Full PDB file with SEQRES, HELIX, SHEET, SSBOND, CRYST1, ORIGX, SCALE, CONECT and MASTER records, all heavy atoms in Angstrom:
SEQRES   1 A   29  SER THR GLU TRP TYR LYS GLY LEU THR ILE TRP SER PRO          
SEQRES   2 A   29  ASN ILE ASN ILE PHE ARG ASP PRO ARG TRP GLY ARG GLY          
SEQRES   3 A   29  GLN GLU THR                                                  
HELIX    1 AA1 GLY A   26  GLU A   28  5                                   3    
CRYST1    1.000    1.000    1.000  90.00  90.00  90.00 P 1           1          
ORIGX1      1.000000  0.000000  0.000000        0.00000                         
ORIGX2      0.000000  1.000000  0.000000        0.00000                         
ORIGX3      0.000000  0.000000  1.000000        0.00000                         
SCALE1      1.000000  0.000000  0.000000        0.00000                         
SCALE2      0.000000  1.000000  0.000000        0.00000                         
SCALE3      0.000000  0.000000  1.000000        0.00000                         
ATOM      1  N   SER A   1       0.818  -1.209   0.000  1.00  0.00           N  
ATOM      2  CA  SER A   1       0.000   0.000   0.000  1.00  0.00           C  
ATOM      3  C   SER A   1       0.851   1.257   0.000  1.00  0.00           C  
ATOM      4  O   SER A   1       1.861   1.348   0.689  1.00  0.00           O  
ATOM      5  CB  SER A   1      -0.916   0.008   1.226  1.00  0.00           C  
ATOM      6  OG  SER A   1      -1.592   1.235   1.340  1.00  0.00           O  
ATOM      7  N   THR A   2       0.414   2.250  -0.793  1.00  0.00           N  
ATOM      8  CA  THR A   2       1.056   3.571  -0.777  1.00  0.00           C  
ATOM      9  C   THR A   2       0.005   4.650  -0.537  1.00  0.00           C  
ATOM     10  O   THR A   2       0.153   5.788  -0.960  1.00  0.00           O  
ATOM     11  CB  THR A   2       1.794   3.856  -2.110  1.00  0.00           C  
ATOM     12  OG1 THR A   2       0.862   3.765  -3.190  1.00  0.00           O  
ATOM     13  CG2 THR A   2       2.928   2.886  -2.329  1.00  0.00           C  
ATOM     14  N   GLU A   3      -1.071   4.280   0.166  1.00  0.00           N  
ATOM     15  CA  GLU A   3      -2.146   5.226   0.422  1.00  0.00           C  
ATOM     16  C   GLU A   3      -1.690   6.291   1.411  1.00  0.00           C  
ATOM     17  O   GLU A   3      -0.519   6.388   1.768  1.00  0.00           O  
ATOM     18  CB  GLU A   3      -3.390   4.493   0.916  1.00  0.00           C  
ATOM     19  CG  GLU A   3      -3.189   3.763   2.225  1.00  0.00           C  
ATOM     20  CD  GLU A   3      -4.409   2.944   2.648  1.00  0.00           C  
ATOM     21  OE1 GLU A   3      -5.298   2.718   1.813  1.00  0.00           O  
ATOM     22  OE2 GLU A   3      -4.456   2.534   3.817  1.00  0.00           O  
ATOM     23  N   TRP A   4      -2.649   7.085   1.857  1.00  0.00           N  
ATOM     24  CA  TRP A   4      -2.392   8.222   2.737  1.00  0.00           C  
ATOM     25  C   TRP A   4      -1.423   7.861   3.869  1.00  0.00           C  
ATOM     26  O   TRP A   4      -1.600   6.870   4.557  1.00  0.00           O  
ATOM     27  CB  TRP A   4      -3.729   8.694   3.309  1.00  0.00           C  
ATOM     28  CG  TRP A   4      -3.737  10.102   3.816  1.00  0.00           C  
ATOM     29  CD1 TRP A   4      -2.915  11.121   3.450  1.00  0.00           C  
ATOM     30  CD2 TRP A   4      -4.635  10.639   4.791  1.00  0.00           C  
ATOM     31  NE1 TRP A   4      -3.244  12.271   4.130  1.00  0.00           N  
ATOM     32  CE2 TRP A   4      -4.298  12.006   4.964  1.00  0.00           C  
ATOM     33  CE3 TRP A   4      -5.682  10.108   5.527  1.00  0.00           C  
ATOM     34  CZ2 TRP A   4      -4.975  12.834   5.840  1.00  0.00           C  
ATOM     35  CZ3 TRP A   4      -6.357  10.940   6.394  1.00  0.00           C  
ATOM     36  CH2 TRP A   4      -6.009  12.288   6.551  1.00  0.00           C  
ATOM     37  N   TYR A   5      -0.395   8.693   4.028  1.00  0.00           N  
ATOM     38  CA  TYR A   5       0.643   8.527   5.051  1.00  0.00           C  
ATOM     39  C   TYR A   5       1.587   7.356   4.770  1.00  0.00           C  
ATOM     40  O   TYR A   5       2.375   6.990   5.627  1.00  0.00           O  
ATOM     41  CB  TYR A   5       0.040   8.379   6.455  1.00  0.00           C  
ATOM     42  CG  TYR A   5      -0.640   9.615   6.976  1.00  0.00           C  
ATOM     43  CD1 TYR A   5      -1.866   9.530   7.627  1.00  0.00           C  
ATOM     44  CD2 TYR A   5      -0.067  10.885   6.822  1.00  0.00           C  
ATOM     45  CE1 TYR A   5      -2.503  10.672   8.114  1.00  0.00           C  
ATOM     46  CE2 TYR A   5      -0.691  12.021   7.304  1.00  0.00           C  
ATOM     47  CZ  TYR A   5      -1.903  11.912   7.949  1.00  0.00           C  
ATOM     48  OH  TYR A   5      -2.521  13.033   8.434  1.00  0.00           O  
ATOM     49  N   LYS A   6       1.511   6.786   3.585  1.00  0.00           N  
ATOM     50  CA  LYS A   6       2.398   5.660   3.282  1.00  0.00           C  
ATOM     51  C   LYS A   6       3.227   5.904   2.019  1.00  0.00           C  
ATOM     52  O   LYS A   6       3.956   5.022   1.589  1.00  0.00           O  
ATOM     53  CB  LYS A   6       1.577   4.373   3.109  1.00  0.00           C  
ATOM     54  CG  LYS A   6       0.846   3.928   4.356  1.00  0.00           C  
ATOM     55  CD  LYS A   6       0.050   2.659   4.098  1.00  0.00           C  
ATOM     56  CE  LYS A   6      -0.759   2.232   5.315  1.00  0.00           C  
ATOM     57  NZ  LYS A   6      -1.557   1.014   5.035  1.00  0.00           N  
ATOM     58  N   GLY A   7       3.108   7.067   1.420  1.00  0.00           N  
ATOM     59  CA  GLY A   7       3.830   7.343   0.182  1.00  0.00           C  
ATOM     60  C   GLY A   7       5.161   8.034   0.433  1.00  0.00           C  
ATOM     61  O   GLY A   7       5.754   7.933   1.500  1.00  0.00           O  
ATOM     62  N   LEU A   8       5.630   8.762  -0.576  1.00  0.00           N  
ATOM     63  CA  LEU A   8       6.929   9.430  -0.501  1.00  0.00           C  
ATOM     64  C   LEU A   8       6.809  10.950  -0.516  1.00  0.00           C  
ATOM     65  O   LEU A   8       7.780  11.649  -0.745  1.00  0.00           O  
ATOM     66  CB  LEU A   8       7.817   8.972  -1.671  1.00  0.00           C  
ATOM     67  CG  LEU A   8       8.328   7.535  -1.543  1.00  0.00           C  
ATOM     68  CD1 LEU A   8       8.950   7.067  -2.861  1.00  0.00           C  
ATOM     69  CD2 LEU A   8       9.338   7.425  -0.416  1.00  0.00           C  
ATOM     70  N   THR A   9       5.598  11.454  -0.280  1.00  0.00           N  
ATOM     71  CA  THR A   9       5.402  12.895  -0.182  1.00  0.00           C  
ATOM     72  C   THR A   9       5.444  13.307   1.281  1.00  0.00           C  
ATOM     73  O   THR A   9       4.684  12.801   2.099  1.00  0.00           O  
ATOM     74  CB  THR A   9       4.047  13.300  -0.798  1.00  0.00           C  
ATOM     75  OG1 THR A   9       4.027  12.917  -2.165  1.00  0.00           O  
ATOM     76  CG2 THR A   9       3.859  14.804  -0.710  1.00  0.00           C  
ATOM     77  N   ILE A  10       6.349  14.223   1.597  1.00  0.00           N  
ATOM     78  CA  ILE A  10       6.515  14.693   2.968  1.00  0.00           C  
ATOM     79  C   ILE A  10       5.858  16.052   3.110  1.00  0.00           C  
ATOM     80  O   ILE A  10       6.220  17.000   2.410  1.00  0.00           O  
ATOM     81  CB  ILE A  10       8.014  14.771   3.336  1.00  0.00           C  
ATOM     82  CG1 ILE A  10       8.634  13.374   3.287  1.00  0.00           C  
ATOM     83  CG2 ILE A  10       8.192  15.413   4.707  1.00  0.00           C  
ATOM     84  CD1 ILE A  10      10.116  13.345   3.581  1.00  0.00           C  
ATOM     85  N   TRP A  11       4.900  16.183   4.007  1.00  0.00           N  
ATOM     86  CA  TRP A  11       4.185  17.447   4.201  1.00  0.00           C  
ATOM     87  C   TRP A  11       5.009  18.383   5.083  1.00  0.00           C  
ATOM     88  O   TRP A  11       4.649  18.687   6.217  1.00  0.00           O  
ATOM     89  CB  TRP A  11       2.814  17.175   4.803  1.00  0.00           C  
ATOM     90  CG  TRP A  11       1.866  16.543   3.828  1.00  0.00           C  
ATOM     91  CD1 TRP A  11       2.109  16.249   2.524  1.00  0.00           C  
ATOM     92  CD2 TRP A  11       0.530  16.131   4.080  1.00  0.00           C  
ATOM     93  NE1 TRP A  11       1.009  15.667   1.947  1.00  0.00           N  
ATOM     94  CE2 TRP A  11       0.023  15.587   2.878  1.00  0.00           C  
ATOM     95  CE3 TRP A  11      -0.293  16.166   5.202  1.00  0.00           C  
ATOM     96  CZ2 TRP A  11      -1.262  15.090   2.772  1.00  0.00           C  
ATOM     97  CZ3 TRP A  11      -1.577  15.661   5.096  1.00  0.00           C  
ATOM     98  CH2 TRP A  11      -2.053  15.135   3.892  1.00  0.00           C  
ATOM     99  N   SER A  12       6.096  18.847   4.519  1.00  0.00           N  
ATOM    100  CA  SER A  12       7.027  19.695   5.250  1.00  0.00           C  
ATOM    101  C   SER A  12       7.943  20.347   4.210  1.00  0.00           C  
ATOM    102  O   SER A  12       8.142  19.781   3.130  1.00  0.00           O  
ATOM    103  CB  SER A  12       7.840  18.825   6.219  1.00  0.00           C  
ATOM    104  OG  SER A  12       8.579  19.579   7.114  1.00  0.00           O  
ATOM    105  N   PRO A  13       8.472  21.525   4.472  1.00  0.00           N  
ATOM    106  CA  PRO A  13       8.522  22.258   5.735  1.00  0.00           C  
ATOM    107  C   PRO A  13       7.344  23.212   5.920  1.00  0.00           C  
ATOM    108  O   PRO A  13       6.724  23.645   4.955  1.00  0.00           O  
ATOM    109  CB  PRO A  13       9.810  23.069   5.593  1.00  0.00           C  
ATOM    110  CG  PRO A  13       9.872  23.369   4.114  1.00  0.00           C  
ATOM    111  CD  PRO A  13       9.348  22.124   3.443  1.00  0.00           C  
ATOM    112  N   ASN A  14       7.064  23.536   7.184  1.00  0.00           N  
ATOM    113  CA  ASN A  14       6.095  24.578   7.510  1.00  0.00           C  
ATOM    114  C   ASN A  14       6.853  25.909   7.474  1.00  0.00           C  
ATOM    115  O   ASN A  14       7.643  26.200   8.369  1.00  0.00           O  
ATOM    116  CB  ASN A  14       5.489  24.340   8.893  1.00  0.00           C  
ATOM    117  CG  ASN A  14       4.405  25.355   9.245  1.00  0.00           C  
ATOM    118  OD1 ASN A  14       4.330  26.431   8.671  1.00  0.00           O  
ATOM    119  ND2 ASN A  14       3.569  25.004  10.200  1.00  0.00           N  
ATOM    120  N   ILE A  15       6.621  26.688   6.428  1.00  0.00           N  
ATOM    121  CA  ILE A  15       7.361  27.936   6.257  1.00  0.00           C  
ATOM    122  C   ILE A  15       6.473  29.164   6.444  1.00  0.00           C  
ATOM    123  O   ILE A  15       6.781  30.247   5.962  1.00  0.00           O  
ATOM    124  CB  ILE A  15       8.076  27.991   4.888  1.00  0.00           C  
ATOM    125  CG1 ILE A  15       7.093  27.720   3.744  1.00  0.00           C  
ATOM    126  CG2 ILE A  15       9.223  26.990   4.860  1.00  0.00           C  
ATOM    127  CD1 ILE A  15       7.704  27.905   2.358  1.00  0.00           C  
ATOM    128  N   ASN A  16       5.368  28.983   7.179  1.00  0.00           N  
ATOM    129  CA  ASN A  16       4.552  30.145   7.519  1.00  0.00           C  
ATOM    130  C   ASN A  16       5.332  31.066   8.447  1.00  0.00           C  
ATOM    131  O   ASN A  16       6.157  30.622   9.232  1.00  0.00           O  
ATOM    132  CB  ASN A  16       3.248  29.711   8.185  1.00  0.00           C  
ATOM    133  CG  ASN A  16       2.329  28.971   7.237  1.00  0.00           C  
ATOM    134  OD1 ASN A  16       1.868  27.888   7.535  1.00  0.00           O  
ATOM    135  ND2 ASN A  16       2.071  29.538   6.065  1.00  0.00           N  
ATOM    136  N   ILE A  17       5.060  32.347   8.342  1.00  0.00           N  
ATOM    137  CA  ILE A  17       5.746  33.339   9.159  1.00  0.00           C  
ATOM    138  C   ILE A  17       5.062  33.439  10.514  1.00  0.00           C  
ATOM    139  O   ILE A  17       3.851  33.640  10.607  1.00  0.00           O  
ATOM    140  CB  ILE A  17       5.756  34.707   8.447  1.00  0.00           C  
ATOM    141  CG1 ILE A  17       6.467  34.589   7.098  1.00  0.00           C  
ATOM    142  CG2 ILE A  17       6.415  35.765   9.321  1.00  0.00           C  
ATOM    143  CD1 ILE A  17       7.904  34.096   7.161  1.00  0.00           C  
ATOM    144  N   PHE A  18       5.843  33.309  11.573  1.00  0.00           N  
ATOM    145  CA  PHE A  18       5.302  33.255  12.931  1.00  0.00           C  
ATOM    146  C   PHE A  18       5.470  34.616  13.618  1.00  0.00           C  
ATOM    147  O   PHE A  18       6.524  34.917  14.161  1.00  0.00           O  
ATOM    148  CB  PHE A  18       6.012  32.163  13.720  1.00  0.00           C  
ATOM    149  CG  PHE A  18       5.500  32.000  15.128  1.00  0.00           C  
ATOM    150  CD1 PHE A  18       4.145  31.866  15.370  1.00  0.00           C  
ATOM    151  CD2 PHE A  18       6.376  31.955  16.199  1.00  0.00           C  
ATOM    152  CE1 PHE A  18       3.665  31.697  16.663  1.00  0.00           C  
ATOM    153  CE2 PHE A  18       5.900  31.784  17.496  1.00  0.00           C  
ATOM    154  CZ  PHE A  18       4.548  31.660  17.726  1.00  0.00           C  
ATOM    155  N   ARG A  19       4.414  35.420  13.584  1.00  0.00           N  
ATOM    156  CA  ARG A  19       4.474  36.741  14.203  1.00  0.00           C  
ATOM    157  C   ARG A  19       3.408  36.951  15.271  1.00  0.00           C  
ATOM    158  O   ARG A  19       3.376  37.993  15.907  1.00  0.00           O  
ATOM    159  CB  ARG A  19       4.347  37.825  13.131  1.00  0.00           C  
ATOM    160  CG  ARG A  19       5.593  37.905  12.267  1.00  0.00           C  
ATOM    161  CD  ARG A  19       5.564  39.032  11.293  1.00  0.00           C  
ATOM    162  NE  ARG A  19       6.870  39.202  10.682  1.00  0.00           N  
ATOM    163  CZ  ARG A  19       7.121  40.006   9.672  1.00  0.00           C  
ATOM    164  NH1 ARG A  19       6.145  40.743   9.160  1.00  0.00           N  
ATOM    165  NH2 ARG A  19       8.334  40.108   9.175  1.00  0.00           N  
ATOM    166  N   ASP A  20       2.552  35.985  15.464  1.00  0.00           N  
ATOM    167  CA  ASP A  20       1.493  36.114  16.456  1.00  0.00           C  
ATOM    168  C   ASP A  20       1.603  34.938  17.424  1.00  0.00           C  
ATOM    169  O   ASP A  20       1.336  33.797  17.042  1.00  0.00           O  
ATOM    170  CB  ASP A  20       0.118  36.122  15.777  1.00  0.00           C  
ATOM    171  CG  ASP A  20      -1.023  36.422  16.743  1.00  0.00           C  
ATOM    172  OD1 ASP A  20      -0.822  36.247  17.963  1.00  0.00           O  
ATOM    173  OD2 ASP A  20      -2.101  36.811  16.279  1.00  0.00           O  
ATOM    174  N   PRO A  21       2.027  35.181  18.675  1.00  0.00           N  
ATOM    175  CA  PRO A  21       2.223  34.076  19.621  1.00  0.00           C  
ATOM    176  C   PRO A  21       0.942  33.333  19.977  1.00  0.00           C  
ATOM    177  O   PRO A  21       0.997  32.259  20.579  1.00  0.00           O  
ATOM    178  CB  PRO A  21       2.824  34.774  20.852  1.00  0.00           C  
ATOM    179  CG  PRO A  21       2.388  36.191  20.732  1.00  0.00           C  
ATOM    180  CD  PRO A  21       2.348  36.482  19.263  1.00  0.00           C  
ATOM    181  N   ARG A  22      -0.209  33.880  19.585  1.00  0.00           N  
ATOM    182  CA  ARG A  22      -1.475  33.189  19.868  1.00  0.00           C  
ATOM    183  C   ARG A  22      -1.712  32.024  18.911  1.00  0.00           C  
ATOM    184  O   ARG A  22      -2.575  31.184  19.148  1.00  0.00           O  
ATOM    185  CB  ARG A  22      -2.636  34.179  19.784  1.00  0.00           C  
ATOM    186  CG  ARG A  22      -2.599  35.255  20.856  1.00  0.00           C  
ATOM    187  CD  ARG A  22      -3.637  36.334  20.601  1.00  0.00           C  
ATOM    188  NE  ARG A  22      -3.370  37.012  19.338  1.00  0.00           N  
ATOM    189  CZ  ARG A  22      -4.143  37.981  18.841  1.00  0.00           C  
ATOM    190  NH1 ARG A  22      -5.221  38.374  19.493  1.00  0.00           N  
ATOM    191  NH2 ARG A  22      -3.830  38.561  17.695  1.00  0.00           N  
ATOM    192  N   TRP A  23      -0.958  31.982  17.806  1.00  0.00           N  
ATOM    193  CA  TRP A  23      -1.070  30.846  16.899  1.00  0.00           C  
ATOM    194  C   TRP A  23      -0.482  29.619  17.584  1.00  0.00           C  
ATOM    195  O   TRP A  23       0.640  29.638  18.083  1.00  0.00           O  
ATOM    196  CB  TRP A  23      -0.342  31.139  15.593  1.00  0.00           C  
ATOM    197  CG  TRP A  23      -0.511  30.082  14.552  1.00  0.00           C  
ATOM    198  CD1 TRP A  23      -1.593  29.283  14.350  1.00  0.00           C  
ATOM    199  CD2 TRP A  23       0.449  29.713  13.555  1.00  0.00           C  
ATOM    200  NE1 TRP A  23      -1.391  28.432  13.282  1.00  0.00           N  
ATOM    201  CE2 TRP A  23      -0.132  28.673  12.780  1.00  0.00           C  
ATOM    202  CE3 TRP A  23       1.729  30.138  13.233  1.00  0.00           C  
ATOM    203  CZ2 TRP A  23       0.525  28.074  11.714  1.00  0.00           C  
ATOM    204  CZ3 TRP A  23       2.382  29.544  12.172  1.00  0.00           C  
ATOM    205  CH2 TRP A  23       1.786  28.528  11.420  1.00  0.00           C  
ATOM    206  N   GLY A  24      -1.210  28.523  17.567  1.00  0.00           N  
ATOM    207  CA  GLY A  24      -0.798  27.352  18.323  1.00  0.00           C  
ATOM    208  C   GLY A  24       0.278  26.505  17.696  1.00  0.00           C  
ATOM    209  O   GLY A  24       0.684  25.503  18.283  1.00  0.00           O  
ATOM    210  N   ARG A  25       0.758  26.869  16.493  1.00  0.00           N  
ATOM    211  CA  ARG A  25       1.720  25.986  15.825  1.00  0.00           C  
ATOM    212  C   ARG A  25       3.030  26.685  15.481  1.00  0.00           C  
ATOM    213  O   ARG A  25       3.741  26.275  14.573  1.00  0.00           O  
ATOM    214  CB  ARG A  25       1.066  25.412  14.558  1.00  0.00           C  
ATOM    215  CG  ARG A  25      -0.122  24.529  14.884  1.00  0.00           C  
ATOM    216  CD  ARG A  25      -0.857  24.084  13.637  1.00  0.00           C  
ATOM    217  NE  ARG A  25      -0.052  23.235  12.793  1.00  0.00           N  
ATOM    218  CZ  ARG A  25      -0.498  22.684  11.657  1.00  0.00           C  
ATOM    219  NH1 ARG A  25      -1.736  22.916  11.261  1.00  0.00           N  
ATOM    220  NH2 ARG A  25       0.270  21.932  10.917  1.00  0.00           N  
ATOM    221  N   GLY A  26       3.344  27.719  16.220  1.00  0.00           N  
ATOM    222  CA  GLY A  26       4.583  28.444  15.947  1.00  0.00           C  
ATOM    223  C   GLY A  26       5.824  27.588  16.074  1.00  0.00           C  
ATOM    224  O   GLY A  26       6.834  27.829  15.408  1.00  0.00           O  
ATOM    225  N   GLN A  27       5.765  26.564  16.929  1.00  0.00           N  
ATOM    226  CA  GLN A  27       6.940  25.712  17.135  1.00  0.00           C  
ATOM    227  C   GLN A  27       7.313  24.921  15.884  1.00  0.00           C  
ATOM    228  O   GLN A  27       8.427  24.406  15.779  1.00  0.00           O  
ATOM    229  CB  GLN A  27       6.715  24.759  18.320  1.00  0.00           C  
ATOM    230  CG  GLN A  27       5.797  23.583  18.045  1.00  0.00           C  
ATOM    231  CD  GLN A  27       4.323  23.936  18.147  1.00  0.00           C  
ATOM    232  OE1 GLN A  27       3.968  25.097  18.337  1.00  0.00           O  
ATOM    233  NE2 GLN A  27       3.457  22.945  18.035  1.00  0.00           N  
ATOM    234  N   GLU A  28       6.391  24.819  14.920  1.00  0.00           N  
ATOM    235  CA  GLU A  28       6.679  24.098  13.678  1.00  0.00           C  
ATOM    236  C   GLU A  28       7.464  24.946  12.681  1.00  0.00           C  
ATOM    237  O   GLU A  28       7.996  24.417  11.709  1.00  0.00           O  
ATOM    238  CB  GLU A  28       5.370  23.677  12.994  1.00  0.00           C  
ATOM    239  CG  GLU A  28       4.535  22.691  13.766  1.00  0.00           C  
ATOM    240  CD  GLU A  28       3.258  22.342  12.996  1.00  0.00           C  
ATOM    241  OE1 GLU A  28       3.249  22.455  11.753  1.00  0.00           O  
ATOM    242  OE2 GLU A  28       2.275  21.962  13.639  1.00  0.00           O  
ATOM    243  N   THR A  29       7.483  26.231  12.881  1.00  0.00           N  
ATOM    244  CA  THR A  29       8.015  27.143  11.867  1.00  0.00           C  
ATOM    245  C   THR A  29       9.451  27.544  12.167  1.00  0.00           C  
ATOM    246  O   THR A  29      10.028  27.177  13.193  1.00  0.00           O  
ATOM    247  CB  THR A  29       7.159  28.413  11.785  1.00  0.00           C  
ATOM    248  OG1 THR A  29       7.458  29.259  12.913  1.00  0.00           O  
ATOM    249  CG2 THR A  29       5.671  28.089  11.787  1.00  0.00           C  
TER     250      THR A  29                                                      
MASTER        0    0    0    1    0    0    0    6  249    1    0    3          
END                                                                             
């Protein structure tokens, strides 16, 4: 199987700009 989460596509990098500390995912950027 090469279905969802089993293929060779990596959902990264997270390159969003982190300027608001209220965003819960700043640690990814």
